[in-house]
Amino acid sequence: MIVSIVNVYVKQEFVEDFKRITQDNHTNSIQEPGNFRFDVLQDEKDPTHFILYEAFESQADIEFHRETAHYFRWRDTVAPWMDKPRDGARYELLFPLEIKK
């Protein structure tokens, strides 16, 4: 299982638009094969800071996700709204050992 944590900083004037289009990306992403989680978090102290927590079964599932229409729509729409480039890191899930989908 591969987990990615992506930090996104959005320009203040686009926060609500970002939430709306990201909800669409979330709704579609959790339907994808090999997707276990696609959480979207908003920082309580800095409402322009979001974290995307994504868990996929394999690299092939991540690559599938990155070729979907909803991902392209999200990526291309939010790019000009970002205050700085997205910052992501990958992790290997250790626990829980069993993931229910």
Protein backbone atom coordinates (compact mmCIF):
# COMPACT_ATOMS: atom_id res chain seq x y z
CA MET A 1 0.00 0.00 0.00
CA ILE A 2 1.27 3.43 -0.96
CA VAL A 3 0.18 6.52 0.92
CA SER A 4 0.77 10.05 -0.30
CA ILE A 5 0.37 13.16 1.79
CA VAL A 6 0.13 16.27 -0.33
CA ASN A 7 0.23 19.80 1.08
CA VAL A 8 -1.67 22.36 -0.96
CA TYR A 9 -1.71 26.09 -0.30
CA VAL A 10 -4.51 27.95 -2.06
CA LYS A 11 -4.85 31.67 -2.62
CA GLN A 12 -7.45 33.03 -0.18
CA GLU A 13 -9.88 34.13 -2.89
CA PHE A 14 -10.06 30.57 -4.30
CA VAL A 15 -10.56 28.56 -1.10
CA GLU A 16 -14.28 27.87 -1.63
CA ASP A 17 -13.79 27.06 -5.32
CA PHE A 18 -10.92 24.75 -4.40
CA LYS A 19 -13.09 22.88 -1.91
CA ARG A 20 -15.85 22.46 -4.47
CA ILE A 21 -13.66 21.04 -7.28
CA THR A 22 -11.67 18.93 -4.82
CA GLN A 23 -14.87 17.34 -3.56
CA ASP A 24 -15.57 16.25 -7.14
CA ASN A 25 -12.07 14.76 -7.38
CA HIS A 26 -12.54 13.01 -4.04
CA THR A 27 -15.94 11.56 -4.98
CA ASN A 28 -14.59 10.10 -8.20
CA SER A 29 -11.26 8.96 -6.77
CA ILE A 30 -12.78 6.80 -4.03
CA GLN A 31 -14.59 4.85 -6.76
CA GLU A 32 -11.34 3.88 -8.49
CA PRO A 33 -9.95 0.35 -8.29
CA GLY A 34 -7.15 0.11 -5.75
CA ASN A 35 -8.11 3.30 -3.91
CA PHE A 36 -8.50 2.82 -0.17
CA ARG A 37 -8.62 6.45 0.99
CA PHE A 38 -8.75 9.89 -0.48
CA ASP A 39 -9.16 12.28 2.43
CA VAL A 40 -9.18 16.04 2.11
CA LEU A 41 -8.25 18.04 5.20
CA GLN A 42 -8.33 21.79 5.83
CA ASP A 43 -6.02 23.35 8.42
CA GLU A 44 -7.98 24.92 11.30
CA LYS A 45 -5.41 27.68 11.82
CA ASP A 46 -4.72 28.38 8.15
CA PRO A 47 -7.81 27.81 5.99
CA THR A 48 -5.72 28.21 2.83
CA HIS A 49 -3.72 25.07 3.71
CA PHE A 50 -5.12 21.69 2.68
CA ILE A 51 -3.77 18.18 2.99
CA LEU A 52 -4.71 15.40 0.61
CA TYR A 53 -4.24 11.95 2.16
CA GLU A 54 -4.32 9.31 -0.56
CA ALA A 55 -3.91 5.55 -0.11
CA PHE A 56 -3.63 3.26 -3.11
CA GLU A 57 -2.94 -0.44 -3.30
CA SER A 58 -0.18 -0.18 -5.90
CA GLN A 59 1.83 2.08 -8.17
CA ALA A 60 -0.34 0.91 -11.06
CA ASP A 61 -3.42 2.19 -9.21
CA ILE A 62 -1.75 5.58 -8.70
CA GLU A 63 -0.88 5.74 -12.39
CA PHE A 64 -4.49 4.86 -13.28
CA HIS A 65 -5.68 7.69 -11.01
CA ARG A 66 -3.35 10.18 -12.70
CA GLU A 67 -4.88 9.36 -16.10
CA THR A 68 -8.53 9.90 -15.14
CA ALA A 69 -10.65 12.74 -16.47
CA HIS A 70 -11.54 13.92 -12.96
CA TYR A 71 -7.86 14.15 -11.97
CA PHE A 72 -7.00 16.15 -15.10
CA ARG A 73 -10.01 18.41 -14.49
CA TRP A 74 -8.92 18.97 -10.87
CA ARG A 75 -5.22 19.49 -11.67
CA ASP A 76 -5.80 21.90 -14.51
CA THR A 77 -8.49 23.88 -12.67
CA VAL A 78 -6.65 24.35 -9.36
CA ALA A 79 -3.17 25.05 -10.76
CA PRO A 80 -3.67 28.84 -11.06
CA TRP A 81 -5.34 28.96 -7.64
CA MET A 82 -2.30 27.69 -5.76
CA ASP A 83 -0.20 30.03 -3.68
CA LYS A 84 2.82 27.77 -4.19
CA PRO A 85 3.46 24.39 -5.86
CA ARG A 86 1.98 21.27 -4.29
CA ASP A 87 4.33 19.45 -1.94
CA GLY A 88 3.85 15.71 -1.64
CA ALA A 89 5.59 12.85 0.10
CA ARG A 90 5.08 9.10 -0.16
CA TYR A 91 4.85 6.64 2.67
CA GLU A 92 4.49 2.91 3.06
CA LEU A 93 1.54 1.99 5.27
CA LEU A 94 2.61 -0.16 8.21
CA PHE A 95 -0.57 -0.27 10.28
CA PRO A 96 -3.37 -1.20 10.15
CA LEU A 97 -2.39 -4.47 8.55
CA GLU A 98 -5.83 -5.05 7.06
CA ILE A 99 -7.60 -2.38 5.07
CA LYS A 100 -11.31 -2.67 4.44
CA LYS A 101 -12.63 -1.14 1.28
